[in-house]
PDB file of N, CA and C in Angstrom:
ATOM      1  N   MET A   1      29.928   7.437  -3.914  1.00  0.00           N
ATOM      2  CA  MET A   1      28.768   6.830  -4.523  1.00  0.00           C
ATOM      3  C   MET A   1      27.840   6.473  -3.980  1.00  0.00           C
ATOM      4  N   ARG A   2      28.266   5.531  -2.703  1.00  0.00           N
ATOM      5  CA  ARG A   2      27.331   5.063  -2.044  1.00  0.00           C
ATOM      6  C   ARG A   2      26.394   6.254  -1.034  1.00  0.00           C
ATOM      7  N   TYR A   3      27.131   7.210  -0.901  1.00  0.00           N
ATOM      8  CA  TYR A   3      26.458   8.334  -0.320  1.00  0.00           C
ATOM      9  C   TYR A   3      25.463   8.971  -1.229  1.00  0.00           C
ATOM     10  N   ARG A   4      25.736   9.309  -2.506  1.00  0.00           N
ATOM     11  CA  ARG A   4      24.815   9.585  -3.530  1.00  0.00           C
ATOM     12  C   ARG A   4      23.597   8.706  -3.827  1.00  0.00           C
ATOM     13  N   VAL A   5      23.673   7.577  -3.664  1.00  0.00           N
ATOM     14  CA  VAL A   5      22.532   6.790  -3.738  1.00  0.00           C
ATOM     15  C   VAL A   5      21.702   6.918  -2.597  1.00  0.00           C
ATOM     16  N   THR A   6      22.293   6.833  -1.104  1.00  0.00           N
ATOM     17  CA  THR A   6      21.744   6.877  -0.337  1.00  0.00           C
ATOM     18  C   THR A   6      20.654   8.526  -0.122  1.00  0.00           C
ATOM     19  N   PHE A   7      21.419   9.255  -0.725  1.00  0.00           N
ATOM     20  CA  PHE A   7      20.717  10.636  -0.707  1.00  0.00           C
ATOM     21  C   PHE A   7      19.658  10.522  -1.720  1.00  0.00           C
ATOM     22  N   LEU A   8      19.704   9.966  -3.100  1.00  0.00           N
ATOM     23  CA  LEU A   8      18.939   9.860  -3.878  1.00  0.00           C
ATOM     24  C   LEU A   8      17.370   9.054  -3.446  1.00  0.00           C
ATOM     25  N   ALA A   9      17.947   8.078  -2.700  1.00  0.00           N
ATOM     26  CA  ALA A   9      16.803   7.163  -2.098  1.00  0.00           C
ATOM     27  C   ALA A   9      16.171   8.389  -1.202  1.00  0.00           C
ATOM     28  N   GLY A  10      16.888   8.719  -0.011  1.00  0.00           N
ATOM     29  CA  GLY A  10      16.339   9.679   0.640  1.00  0.00           C
ATOM     30  C   GLY A  10      15.357  10.599   0.130  1.00  0.00           C
ATOM     31  N   LEU A  11      15.928  11.120  -1.125  1.00  0.00           N
ATOM     32  CA  LEU A  11      15.165  12.259  -1.899  1.00  0.00           C
ATOM     33  C   LEU A  11      13.880  11.861  -2.335  1.00  0.00           C
ATOM     34  N   ALA A  12      13.992  10.528  -2.887  1.00  0.00           N
ATOM     35  CA  ALA A  12      12.878   9.681  -3.558  1.00  0.00           C
ATOM     36  C   ALA A  12      11.614   9.629  -2.373  1.00  0.00           C
ATOM     37  N   ALA A  13      12.081   9.229  -1.398  1.00  0.00           N
ATOM     38  CA  ALA A  13      11.599   8.934  -0.109  1.00  0.00           C
ATOM     39  C   ALA A  13      10.519   9.873   0.288  1.00  0.00           C
ATOM     40  N   GLY A  14      11.216  11.111   0.402  1.00  0.00           N
ATOM     41  CA  GLY A  14      10.782  12.170   1.079  1.00  0.00           C
ATOM     42  C   GLY A  14       9.574  12.980   0.096  1.00  0.00           C
ATOM     43  N   PHE A  15      10.230  12.643  -1.356  1.00  0.00           N
ATOM     44  CA  PHE A  15       9.354  13.151  -2.228  1.00  0.00           C
ATOM     45  C   PHE A  15       7.872  12.280  -2.217  1.00  0.00           C
ATOM     46  N   VAL A  16       7.881  11.138  -2.186  1.00  0.00           N
ATOM     47  CA  VAL A  16       6.929  10.247  -2.066  1.00  0.00           C
ATOM     48  C   VAL A  16       6.007  10.591  -0.755  1.00  0.00           C
ATOM     49  N   VAL A  17       6.568  10.621   0.208  1.00  0.00           N
ATOM     50  CA  VAL A  17       5.716  10.756   1.562  1.00  0.00           C
ATOM     51  C   VAL A  17       5.156  12.291   1.278  1.00  0.00           C
ATOM     52  N   GLY A  18       5.869  13.270   0.773  1.00  0.00           N
ATOM     53  CA  GLY A  18       5.669  14.883   1.157  1.00  0.00           C
ATOM     54  C   GLY A  18       4.618  15.110  -0.148  1.00  0.00           C
ATOM     55  N   THR A  19       4.617  14.413  -1.033  1.00  0.00           N
ATOM     56  CA  THR A  19       4.033  14.883  -2.482  1.00  0.00           C
ATOM     57  C   THR A  19       2.505  15.217  -2.160  1.00  0.00           C
ATOM     58  N   ARG A  20       2.139  16.247  -3.155  1.00  0.00           N
ATOM     59  CA  ARG A  20       0.650  16.639  -3.100  1.00  0.00           C
ATOM     60  C   ARG A  20       0.526  16.486  -4.592  1.00  0.00           C
ATOM     61  N   ALA A  21       1.244  15.689  -5.473  1.00  0.00           N
ATOM     62  CA  ALA A  21       0.739  15.489  -6.985  1.00  0.00           C
ATOM     63  C   ALA A  21      -0.206  14.413  -7.206  1.00  0.00           C
ATOM     64  N   GLY A  22      -0.452  13.518  -5.991  1.00  0.00           N
ATOM     65  CA  GLY A  22      -1.471  12.577  -5.997  1.00  0.00           C
ATOM     66  C   GLY A  22      -1.315  11.247  -6.369  1.00  0.00           C
ATOM     67  N   ARG A  23      -2.242  10.542  -6.328  1.00  0.00           N
ATOM     68  CA  ARG A  23      -1.952   9.115  -6.549  1.00  0.00           C
ATOM     69  C   ARG A  23      -1.345   8.561  -7.970  1.00  0.00           C
ATOM     70  N   GLU A  24      -1.792   9.550  -8.961  1.00  0.00           N
ATOM     71  CA  GLU A  24      -1.116   9.169 -10.242  1.00  0.00           C
ATOM     72  C   GLU A  24       0.270   9.236 -10.510  1.00  0.00           C
ATOM     73  N   ARG A  25       1.011  10.428  -9.707  1.00  0.00           N
ATOM     74  CA  ARG A  25       2.358  10.662  -9.506  1.00  0.00           C
ATOM     75  C   ARG A  25       2.957   9.415  -8.829  1.00  0.00           C
ATOM     76  N   TYR A  26       2.513   9.046  -7.601  1.00  0.00           N
ATOM     77  CA  TYR A  26       2.867   8.014  -6.826  1.00  0.00           C
ATOM     78  C   TYR A  26       2.862   6.671  -7.663  1.00  0.00           C
ATOM     79  N   GLU A  27       1.886   6.427  -8.415  1.00  0.00           N
ATOM     80  CA  GLU A  27       1.980   5.083  -8.859  1.00  0.00           C
ATOM     81  C   GLU A  27       3.209   5.102 -10.224  1.00  0.00           C
ATOM     82  N   GLN A  28       3.180   6.265 -10.929  1.00  0.00           N
ATOM     83  CA  GLN A  28       4.376   6.278 -11.770  1.00  0.00           C
ATOM     84  C   GLN A  28       5.640   6.198 -11.163  1.00  0.00           C
ATOM     85  N   MET A  29       6.074   7.063  -9.921  1.00  0.00           N
ATOM     86  CA  MET A  29       7.337   6.607  -9.300  1.00  0.00           C
ATOM     87  C   MET A  29       7.629   5.179  -9.100  1.00  0.00           C
ATOM     88  N   LYS A  30       6.282   4.689  -8.326  1.00  0.00           N
ATOM     89  CA  LYS A  30       6.469   3.127  -8.019  1.00  0.00           C
ATOM     90  C   LYS A  30       6.973   2.404  -9.205  1.00  0.00           C
ATOM     91  N   ARG A  31       6.160   2.381 -10.261  1.00  0.00           N
ATOM     92  CA  ARG A  31       6.494   1.625 -11.484  1.00  0.00           C
ATOM     93  C   ARG A  31       7.910   2.070 -11.967  1.00  0.00           C
ATOM     94  N   LEU A  32       8.435   3.088 -11.770  1.00  0.00           N
ATOM     95  CA  LEU A  32       9.721   3.536 -12.186  1.00  0.00           C
ATOM     96  C   LEU A  32      10.808   2.820 -11.158  1.00  0.00           C
ATOM     97  N   ALA A  33      10.664   2.812  -9.794  1.00  0.00           N
ATOM     98  CA  ALA A  33      11.232   2.215  -8.998  1.00  0.00           C
ATOM     99  C   ALA A  33      11.424   0.695  -9.347  1.00  0.00           C
ATOM    100  N   ARG A  34      10.211   0.285  -9.506  1.00  0.00           N
ATOM    101  CA  ARG A  34      10.228  -1.573  -9.899  1.00  0.00           C
ATOM    102  C   ARG A  34      10.809  -1.843 -10.738  1.00  0.00           C
ATOM    103  N   LYS A  35      10.815  -1.022 -11.966  1.00  0.00           N
ATOM    104  CA  LYS A  35      11.630  -1.156 -13.549  1.00  0.00           C
ATOM    105  C   LYS A  35      13.079  -1.035 -13.070  1.00  0.00           C
ATOM    106  N   ALA A  36      13.524  -0.055 -12.254  1.00  0.00           N
ATOM    107  CA  ALA A  36      14.741  -0.145 -11.836  1.00  0.00           C
ATOM    108  C   ALA A  36      15.703  -1.260 -11.298  1.00  0.00           C
ATOM    109  N   ALA A  37      14.578  -1.824 -10.007  1.00  0.00           N
ATOM    110  CA  ALA A  37      15.007  -2.837  -9.566  1.00  0.00           C
ATOM    111  C   ALA A  37      15.155  -4.019  -9.997  1.00  0.00           C
ATOM    112  N   ASP A  38      14.109  -4.102 -11.032  1.00  0.00           N
ATOM    113  CA  ASP A  38      14.275  -5.513 -11.894  1.00  0.00           C
ATOM    114  C   ASP A  38      15.287  -5.523 -13.063  1.00  0.00           C
ATOM    115  N   SER A  39      16.005  -4.405 -13.277  1.00  0.00           N
ATOM    116  CA  SER A  39      16.778  -4.275 -14.446  1.00  0.00           C
ATOM    117  C   SER A  39      18.124  -5.104 -14.323  1.00  0.00           C
ATOM    118  N   PRO A  40      18.454  -5.900 -15.120  1.00  0.00           N
ATOM    119  CA  PRO A  40      19.652  -6.851 -15.061  1.00  0.00           C
ATOM    120  C   PRO A  40      20.966  -6.002 -14.638  1.00  0.00           C
ATOM    121  N   ALA A  41      21.239  -4.781 -14.865  1.00  0.00           N
ATOM    122  CA  ALA A  41      22.295  -4.120 -14.260  1.00  0.00           C
ATOM    123  C   ALA A  41      21.908  -3.807 -12.726  1.00  0.00           C
ATOM    124  N   VAL A  42      20.990  -3.432 -12.239  1.00  0.00           N
ATOM    125  CA  VAL A  42      20.831  -3.613 -10.867  1.00  0.00           C
ATOM    126  C   VAL A  42      21.026  -4.807 -10.340  1.00  0.00           C
ATOM    127  N   GLN A  43      20.425  -5.741 -10.857  1.00  0.00           N
ATOM    128  CA  GLN A  43      20.516  -7.136 -10.305  1.00  0.00           C
ATOM    129  C   GLN A  43      21.958  -7.514 -10.220  1.00  0.00           C
ATOM    130  N   GLN A  44      22.826  -7.386 -11.122  1.00  0.00           N
ATOM    131  CA  GLN A  44      24.296  -7.645 -11.386  1.00  0.00           C
ATOM    132  C   GLN A  44      25.074  -7.114 -10.174  1.00  0.00           C
ATOM    133  N   ALA A  45      24.824  -5.471 -10.020  1.00  0.00           N
ATOM    134  CA  ALA A  45      25.526  -4.748  -9.049  1.00  0.00           C
ATOM    135  C   ALA A  45      25.106  -5.125  -7.938  1.00  0.00           C
ATOM    136  N   ALA A  46      23.821  -5.618  -7.383  1.00  0.00           N
ATOM    137  CA  ALA A  46      23.353  -6.277  -6.061  1.00  0.00           C
ATOM    138  C   ALA A  46      24.112  -7.363  -5.847  1.00  0.00           C
ATOM    139  N   GLY A  47      24.345  -8.438  -6.837  1.00  0.00           N
ATOM    140  CA  GLY A  47      24.898  -9.592  -6.696  1.00  0.00           C
ATOM    141  C   GLY A  47      26.394  -9.338  -6.237  1.00  0.00           C
ATOM    142  N   THR A  48      27.043  -8.589  -7.167  1.00  0.00           N
ATOM    143  CA  THR A  48      28.392  -8.254  -6.856  1.00  0.00           C
ATOM    144  C   THR A  48      28.972  -7.460  -5.451  1.00  0.00           C
ATOM    145  N   ALA A  49      27.871  -6.728  -5.017  1.00  0.00           N
ATOM    146  CA  ALA A  49      27.996  -6.422  -3.512  1.00  0.00           C
ATOM    147  C   ALA A  49      27.725  -7.417  -2.543  1.00  0.00           C
ATOM    148  N   VAL A  50      26.811  -8.299  -2.777  1.00  0.00           N
ATOM    149  CA  VAL A  50      26.508  -9.486  -1.675  1.00  0.00           C
ATOM    150  C   VAL A  50      27.782 -10.319  -1.774  1.00  0.00           C
ATOM    151  N   ALA A  51      28.374 -10.570  -3.046  1.00  0.00           N
ATOM    152  CA  ALA A  51      29.721 -11.403  -3.226  1.00  0.00           C
ATOM    153  C   ALA A  51      30.734 -10.684  -2.282  1.00  0.00           C
ATOM    154  N   GLN A  52      30.953  -9.590  -2.601  1.00  0.00           N
ATOM    155  CA  GLN A  52      32.033  -8.801  -1.989  1.00  0.00           C
ATOM    156  C   GLN A  52      32.018  -8.397  -0.490  1.00  0.00           C
ATOM    157  N   ALA A  53      30.565  -8.496  -0.012  1.00  0.00           N
ATOM    158  CA  ALA A  53      30.628  -8.561   1.596  1.00  0.00           C
ATOM    159  C   ALA A  53      30.861  -9.768   2.078  1.00  0.00           C
ATOM    160  N   THR A  54      30.313 -10.907   1.481  1.00  0.00           N
ATOM    161  CA  THR A  54      30.345 -12.241   2.112  1.00  0.00           C
ATOM    162  C   THR A  54      31.969 -12.567   2.111  1.00  0.00           C
ATOM    163  N   GLY A  55      32.823 -12.037   1.109  1.00  0.00           N
ATOM    164  CA  GLY A  55      34.221 -12.310   1.045  1.00  0.00           C
ATOM    165  C   GLY A  55      35.179 -11.634   2.109  1.00  0.00           C
ATOM    166  N   LEU A  56      34.593 -10.349   2.134  1.00  0.00           N
ATOM    167  CA  LEU A  56      34.960  -9.449   3.475  1.00  0.00           C
ATOM    168  C   LEU A  56      34.544 -10.181   4.730  1.00  0.00           C
ATOM    169  N   ALA A  57      33.716 -10.426   4.950  1.00  0.00           N
ATOM    170  CA  ALA A  57      32.955 -11.171   6.305  1.00  0.00           C
ATOM    171  C   ALA A  57      33.946 -12.476   6.428  1.00  0.00           C
ATOM    172  N   LYS A  58      34.326 -13.239   5.748  1.00  0.00           N
ATOM    173  CA  LYS A  58      35.002 -14.569   5.615  1.00  0.00           C
ATOM    174  C   LYS A  58      36.481 -13.955   6.078  1.00  0.00           C
ATOM    175  N   THR A  59      36.930 -12.933   5.488  1.00  0.00           N
ATOM    176  CA  THR A  59      38.150 -12.399   5.700  1.00  0.00           C
ATOM    177  C   THR A  59      38.332 -12.298   7.015  1.00  0.00           C
ATOM    178  N   ALA A  60      37.419 -11.128   7.364  1.00  0.00           N
ATOM    179  CA  ALA A  60      37.540 -10.604   8.975  1.00  0.00           C
ATOM    180  C   ALA A  60      37.325 -11.760   9.775  1.00  0.00           C
ATOM    181  N   THR A  61      36.627 -12.678   9.410  1.00  0.00           N
ATOM    182  CA  THR A  61      36.443 -13.846  10.745  1.00  0.00           C
ATOM    183  C   THR A  61      37.499 -14.774  10.778  1.00  0.00           C
ATOM    184  N   SER A  62      38.354 -14.979   9.662  1.00  0.00           N
ATOM    185  CA  SER A  62      39.297 -15.771   9.687  1.00  0.00           C
ATOM    186  C   SER A  62      40.660 -14.769  10.368  1.00  0.00           C
ATOM    187  N   ARG A  63      40.876 -13.933   9.980  1.00  0.00           N
ATOM    188  CA  ARG A  63      41.746 -12.907  10.818  1.00  0.00           C
ATOM    189  C   ARG A  63      41.547 -12.804  12.526  1.00  0.00           C
ATOM    190  N   LEU A  64      40.463 -12.432  12.653  1.00  0.00           N
ATOM    191  CA  LEU A  64      40.042 -12.301  14.029  1.00  0.00           C
ATOM    192  C   LEU A  64      40.112 -13.802  14.819  1.00  0.00           C
ATOM    193  N   SER A  65      39.628 -14.918  14.061  1.00  0.00           N
ATOM    194  CA  SER A  65      39.923 -16.412  14.828  1.00  0.00           C
ATOM    195  C   SER A  65      41.626 -16.586  14.997  1.00  0.00           C
ATOM    196  N   ASP A  66      42.380 -16.230  13.586  1.00  0.00           N
ATOM    197  CA  ASP A  66      43.861 -16.282  14.093  1.00  0.00           C
ATOM    198  C   ASP A  66      44.336 -15.554  15.088  1.00  0.00           C
ATOM    199  N   LYS A  67      43.978 -14.216  15.427  1.00  0.00           N
ATOM    200  CA  LYS A  67      44.629 -13.392  16.444  1.00  0.00           C
ATOM    201  C   LYS A  67      44.288 -13.997  17.606  1.00  0.00           C
ATOM    202  N   VAL A  68      42.994 -14.780  17.791  1.00  0.00           N
ATOM    203  CA  VAL A  68      42.547 -15.152  19.200  1.00  0.00           C
ATOM    204  C   VAL A  68      43.431 -16.376  19.594  1.00  0.00           C
ATOM    205  N   GLN A  69      43.777 -16.986  18.555  1.00  0.00           N
ATOM    206  CA  GLN A  69      44.352 -18.441  18.529  1.00  0.00           C
ATOM    207  C   GLN A  69      45.856 -18.156  19.070  1.00  0.00           C
ATOM    208  N   GLN A  70      46.384 -17.090  18.332  1.00  0.00           N
ATOM    209  CA  GLN A  70      47.907 -16.387  18.739  1.00  0.00           C
ATOM    210  C   GLN A  70      47.791 -15.846  20.216  1.00  0.00           C
ATOM    211  N   ARG A  71      46.720 -15.328  20.641  1.00  0.00           N
ATOM    212  CA  ARG A  71      46.837 -14.792  21.950  1.00  0.00           C
ATOM    213  C   ARG A  71      46.478 -15.468  23.181  1.00  0.00           C
ATOM    214  N   SER A  72      45.557 -16.618  22.819  1.00  0.00           N
ATOM    215  CA  SER A  72      44.856 -17.345  23.743  1.00  0.00           C
ATOM    216  C   SER A  72      45.908 -17.864  24.983  1.00  0.00           C
ATOM    217  N   PRO A  73      47.154 -18.674  24.423  1.00  0.00           N
ATOM    218  CA  PRO A  73      48.017 -19.144  25.615  1.00  0.00           C
ATOM    219  C   PRO A  73      48.428 -17.930  26.558  1.00  0.00           C
ATOM    220  N   ALA A  74      48.650 -16.689  25.854  1.00  0.00           N
ATOM    221  CA  ALA A  74      49.167 -15.634  26.721  1.00  0.00           C
ATOM    222  C   ALA A  74      48.025 -15.365  27.713  1.00  0.00           C
ATOM    223  N   LEU A  75      46.744 -15.171  27.294  1.00  0.00           N
ATOM    224  CA  LEU A  75      45.533 -14.902  28.125  1.00  0.00           C
ATOM    225  C   LEU A  75      45.572 -15.915  29.148  1.00  0.00           C
ATOM    226  N   ALA A  76      45.665 -17.083  28.779  1.00  0.00           N
ATOM    227  CA  ALA A  76      45.305 -18.015  29.843  1.00  0.00           C
ATOM    228  C   ALA A  76      46.329 -17.755  30.972  1.00  0.00           C
ATOM    229  N   ASP A  77      47.551 -17.756  30.336  1.00  0.00           N
ATOM    230  CA  ASP A  77      48.796 -17.586  31.769  1.00  0.00           C
ATOM    231  C   ASP A  77      48.401 -16.447  32.217  1.00  0.00           C
ATOM    232  N   ALA A  78      47.978 -15.346  31.697  1.00  0.00           N
ATOM    233  CA  ALA A  78      47.543 -13.865  32.553  1.00  0.00           C
ATOM    234  C   ALA A  78      46.640 -14.301  33.332  1.00  0.00           C
ATOM    235  N   ALA A  79      45.546 -15.249  33.099  1.00  0.00           N
ATOM    236  CA  ALA A  79      44.412 -15.267  33.910  1.00  0.00           C
ATOM    237  C   ALA A  79      44.992 -16.357  35.001  1.00  0.00           C
ATOM    238  N   LYS A  80      45.751 -17.304  34.958  1.00  0.00           N
ATOM    239  CA  LYS A  80      46.324 -17.994  35.709  1.00  0.00           C
ATOM    240  C   LYS A  80      47.097 -17.393  36.907  1.00  0.00           C
ATOM    241  N   LYS A  81      47.780 -16.499  36.598  1.00  0.00           N
ATOM    242  CA  LYS A  81      48.595 -15.571  37.284  1.00  0.00           C
ATOM    243  C   LYS A  81      47.778 -14.665  38.012  1.00  0.00           C
ATOM    244  N   ALA A  82      46.559 -14.206  37.534  1.00  0.00           N
ATOM    245  CA  ALA A  82      45.818 -13.318  38.150  1.00  0.00           C
ATOM    246  C   ALA A  82      45.136 -14.187  39.247  1.00  0.00           C
ATOM    247  N   GLY A  83      44.586 -15.477  38.843  1.00  0.00           N
ATOM    248  CA  GLY A  83      43.758 -16.212  39.865  1.00  0.00           C
ATOM    249  C   GLY A  83      44.905 -16.440  41.224  1.00  0.00           C
ATOM    250  N   GLU A  84      46.084 -16.583  40.891  1.00  0.00           N
ATOM    251  CA  GLU A  84      47.176 -16.904  42.243  1.00  0.00           C
ATOM    252  C   GLU A  84      47.162 -15.753  42.891  1.00  0.00           C
ATOM    253  N   ARG A  85      47.116 -14.727  42.426  1.00  0.00           N
ATOM    254  CA  ARG A  85      47.319 -13.347  43.292  1.00  0.00           C
ATOM    255  C   ARG A  85      46.089 -13.210  43.925  1.00  0.00           C
ATOM    256  N   LEU A  86      44.845 -13.713  43.933  1.00  0.00           N
ATOM    257  CA  LEU A  86      43.757 -13.454  44.342  1.00  0.00           C
ATOM    258  C   LEU A  86      43.564 -13.983  46.012  1.00  0.00           C
ATOM    259  N   PRO A  87      43.224 -13.518  46.879  1.00  0.00           N
ATOM    260  CA  PRO A  87      43.298 -13.981  48.248  1.00  0.00           C
ATOM    261  C   PRO A  87      42.252 -15.249  48.334  1.00  0.00           C
ATOM    262  N   THR A  88      42.419 -15.978  49.114  1.00  0.00           N
ATOM    263  CA  THR A  88      41.733 -17.324  49.366  1.00  0.00           C
ATOM    264  C   THR A  88      40.649 -16.850  50.290  1.00  0.00           C
ATOM    265  N   ARG A  89      40.733 -15.763  51.062  1.00  0.00           N
ATOM    266  CA  ARG A  89      40.169 -15.177  52.048  1.00  0.00           C
ATOM    267  C   ARG A  89      40.022 -13.908  52.162  1.00  0.00           C
ATOM    268  N   ILE A  90      38.708 -13.625  51.988  1.00  0.00           N
ATOM    269  CA  ILE A  90      38.308 -11.845  52.033  1.00  0.00           C
ATOM    270  C   ILE A  90      38.637 -11.419  53.423  1.00  0.00           C
ATOM    271  N   PRO A  91      39.476 -10.423  53.678  1.00  0.00           N
ATOM    272  CA  PRO A  91      39.324  -9.904  55.141  1.00  0.00           C
ATOM    273  C   PRO A  91      38.217  -9.312  55.438  1.00  0.00           C
ATOM    274  N   GLY A  92      37.503  -9.512  56.757  1.00  0.00           N
ATOM    275  CA  GLY A  92      36.541  -9.057  57.367  1.00  0.00           C
ATOM    276  C   GLY A  92      35.041  -9.989  56.701  1.00  0.00           C
ATOM    277  N   TRP A  93      35.344 -10.891  56.013  1.00  0.00           N
ATOM    278  CA  TRP A  93      34.227 -11.583  55.728  1.00  0.00           C
ATOM    279  C   TRP A  93      34.109 -12.907  56.555  1.00  0.00           C
ATOM    280  N   ARG A  94      32.923 -13.369  57.268  1.00  0.00           N
ATOM    281  CA  ARG A  94      32.998 -14.221  58.256  1.00  0.00           C
ATOM    282  C   ARG A  94      32.387 -15.523  57.514  1.00  0.00           C
ATOM    283  N   GLY A  95      32.142 -15.468  56.323  1.00  0.00           N
ATOM    284  CA  GLY A  95      31.865 -16.769  55.601  1.00  0.00           C
ATOM    285  C   GLY A  95      33.068 -17.759  55.336  1.00  0.00           C
ATOM    286  N   LYS A  96      32.977 -18.531  54.500  1.00  0.00           N
ATOM    287  CA  LYS A  96      33.979 -19.519  54.168  1.00  0.00           C
ATOM    288  C   LYS A  96      34.710 -18.838  53.033  1.00  0.00           C
ATOM    289  N   ALA A  97      36.056 -19.417  52.785  1.00  0.00           N
ATOM    290  CA  ALA A  97      37.133 -18.798  52.079  1.00  0.00           C
ATOM    291  C   ALA A  97      36.431 -19.052  50.613  1.00  0.00           C
ATOM    292  N   ALA A  98      36.823 -18.268  49.756  1.00  0.00           N
ATOM    293  CA  ALA A  98      36.541 -18.130  48.461  1.00  0.00           C
ATOM    294  C   ALA A  98      36.575 -19.130  47.718  1.00  0.00           C
ATOM    295  N   GLY A  99      35.555 -19.821  46.966  1.00  0.00           N
ATOM    296  CA  GLY A  99      35.949 -21.270  46.338  1.00  0.00           C
ATOM    297  C   GLY A  99      35.500 -22.304  47.058  1.00  0.00           C
ATOM    298  N   ALA A 100      35.355 -22.255  48.357  1.00  0.00           N
ATOM    299  CA  ALA A 100      35.377 -23.356  49.243  1.00  0.00           C
ATOM    300  C   ALA A 100      33.648 -23.663  49.303  1.00  0.00           C
ATOM    301  N   GLY A 101      33.391 -24.540  49.815  1.00  0.00           N
ATOM    302  CA  GLY A 101      32.089 -25.236  50.006  1.00  0.00           C
ATOM    303  C   GLY A 101      31.851 -26.443  49.342  1.00  0.00           C
ATOM    304  N   ASN A 102      30.822 -26.431  48.335  1.00  0.00           N
ATOM    305  CA  ASN A 102      30.328 -27.669  47.856  1.00  0.00           C
ATOM    306  C   ASN A 102      31.314 -28.134  46.710  1.00  0.00           C
ATOM    307  N   GLY A 103      32.197 -27.255  46.474  1.00  0.00           N
ATOM    308  CA  GLY A 103      33.220 -27.629  45.362  1.00  0.00           C
ATOM    309  C   GLY A 103      32.894 -27.132  43.691  1.00  0.00           C
ATOM    310  N   ALA A 104      31.672 -26.491  43.804  1.00  0.00           N
ATOM    311  CA  ALA A 104      30.955 -26.226  42.441  1.00  0.00           C
ATOM    312  C   ALA A 104      31.767 -24.969  41.907  1.00  0.00           C
ATOM    313  N   GLY A 105      32.443 -24.237  42.620  1.00  0.00           N
ATOM    314  CA  GLY A 105      32.900 -22.744  42.126  1.00  0.00           C
ATOM    315  C   GLY A 105      34.640 -23.225  42.048  1.00  0.00           C
ATOM    316  N   GLN A 106      35.060 -24.524  42.417  1.00  0.00           N
ATOM    317  CA  GLN A 106      36.243 -24.756  42.291  1.00  0.00           C
ATOM    318  C   GLN A 106      36.856 -24.975  40.806  1.00  0.00           C
ATOM    319  N   ALA A 107      35.937 -25.572  39.897  1.00  0.00           N
ATOM    320  CA  ALA A 107      36.188 -26.051  38.554  1.00  0.00           C
ATOM    321  C   ALA A 107      36.149 -24.776  37.646  1.00  0.00           C
ATOM    322  N   ALA A 108      35.444 -23.871  38.077  1.00  0.00           N
ATOM    323  CA  ALA A 108      35.392 -22.646  37.382  1.00  0.00           C
ATOM    324  C   ALA A 108      36.300 -21.600  37.373  1.00  0.00           C
ATOM    325  N   SER A 109      37.024 -21.656  38.754  1.00  0.00           N
ATOM    326  CA  SER A 109      38.318 -20.901  39.107  1.00  0.00           C
ATOM    327  C   SER A 109      39.777 -21.418  38.654  1.00  0.00           C
ATOM    328  N   ASP A 110      39.910 -22.696  38.327  1.00  0.00           N
ATOM    329  CA  ASP A 110      40.779 -23.439  37.878  1.00  0.00           C
ATOM    330  C   ASP A 110      40.984 -23.165  36.354  1.00  0.00           C
ATOM    331  N   VAL A 111      41.782 -22.289  35.913  1.00  0.00           N
ATOM    332  CA  VAL A 111      42.275 -21.878  34.530  1.00  0.00           C
ATOM    333  C   VAL A 111      42.818 -23.043  34.093  1.00  0.00           C
ATOM    334  N   SER A 112      43.661 -23.885  34.502  1.00  0.00           N
ATOM    335  CA  SER A 112      44.528 -24.810  33.716  1.00  0.00           C
ATOM    336  C   SER A 112      43.606 -26.120  33.283  1.00  0.00           C
ATOM    337  N   SER A 113      42.435 -26.134  33.735  1.00  0.00           N
ATOM    338  CA  SER A 113      41.659 -27.097  33.519  1.00  0.00           C
ATOM    339  C   SER A 113      40.858 -26.825  32.168  1.00  0.00           C
ATOM    340  N   VAL A 114      40.609 -25.622  31.562  1.00  0.00           N
ATOM    341  CA  VAL A 114      40.124 -24.987  30.488  1.00  0.00           C
ATOM    342  C   VAL A 114      41.080 -25.233  29.614  1.00  0.00           C
ATOM    343  N   PRO A 115      40.556 -25.973  28.349  1.00  0.00           N
ATOM    344  CA  PRO A 115      41.425 -26.376  27.288  1.00  0.00           C
ATOM    345  C   PRO A 115      41.482 -25.275  26.421  1.00  0.00           C
ATOM    346  N   ALA A 116      42.594 -24.876  25.827  1.00  0.00           N
ATOM    347  CA  ALA A 116      42.786 -23.716  24.717  1.00  0.00           C
ATOM    348  C   ALA A 116      42.160 -24.075  23.836  1.00  0.00           C
ATOM    349  N   PRO A 117      41.737 -23.040  23.044  1.00  0.00           N
ATOM    350  CA  PRO A 117      41.046 -23.075  21.674  1.00  0.00           C
ATOM    351  C   PRO A 117      42.069 -23.728  20.695  1.00  0.00           C
ATOM    352  N   GLY A 118      41.455 -24.747  19.671  1.00  0.00           N
ATOM    353  CA  GLY A 118      42.215 -25.004  18.742  1.00  0.00           C
ATOM    354  C   GLY A 118      42.952 -26.424  19.268  1.00  0.00           C
ATOM    355  N   GLY A 119      42.795 -26.818  20.692  1.00  0.00           N
ATOM    356  CA  GLY A 119      43.417 -28.037  20.945  1.00  0.00           C
ATOM    357  C   GLY A 119      42.942 -29.073  20.533  1.00  0.00           C
ATOM    358  N   PRO A 120      43.159 -30.452  20.976  1.00  0.00           N
ATOM    359  CA  PRO A 120      42.563 -31.599  20.513  1.00  0.00           C
ATOM    360  C   PRO A 120      41.252 -31.991  20.469  1.00  0.00           C
ATOM    361  N   SER A 121      40.529 -31.015  21.513  1.00  0.00           N
ATOM    362  CA  SER A 121      39.337 -31.290  21.831  1.00  0.00           C
ATOM    363  C   SER A 121      38.480 -30.474  20.729  1.00  0.00           C
ATOM    364  N   ASP A 122      38.821 -29.824  19.925  1.00  0.00           N
ATOM    365  CA  ASP A 122      38.273 -28.705  19.130  1.00  0.00           C
ATOM    366  C   ASP A 122      38.060 -29.297  17.568  1.00  0.00           C
ATOM    367  N   ASN A 123      37.808 -30.392  17.464  1.00  0.00           N
ATOM    368  CA  ASN A 123      37.746 -30.943  16.345  1.00  0.00           C
ATOM    369  C   ASN A 123      36.134 -30.850  15.739  1.00  0.00           C
TER     370      ASN A 123
END
């Protein structure tokens, strides 16, 4: 059904753009389109479509946040393990050890200091 409506809308737009019937035919089509858009049946269908889209968006958001909360402890553990496997000094690099310096990079690399989503600080 959606594809039919899209096709008809494209057909109407193409006719309006490509017509040689003149201004009178254009005005007639414009009146018909406005009349159709203002009809209670079209308004009701549009309201129903908006309500369904809103419901689907809320459901998708809820499911996504549930999945993230379920997987966040495992992701935090994996990140911590990956951080432990990283070398503290890069071979061939003459600079200081990775994360060393003024201490600014140390907090960002410490995964255990980052609270998990849904924790006590997420109220």
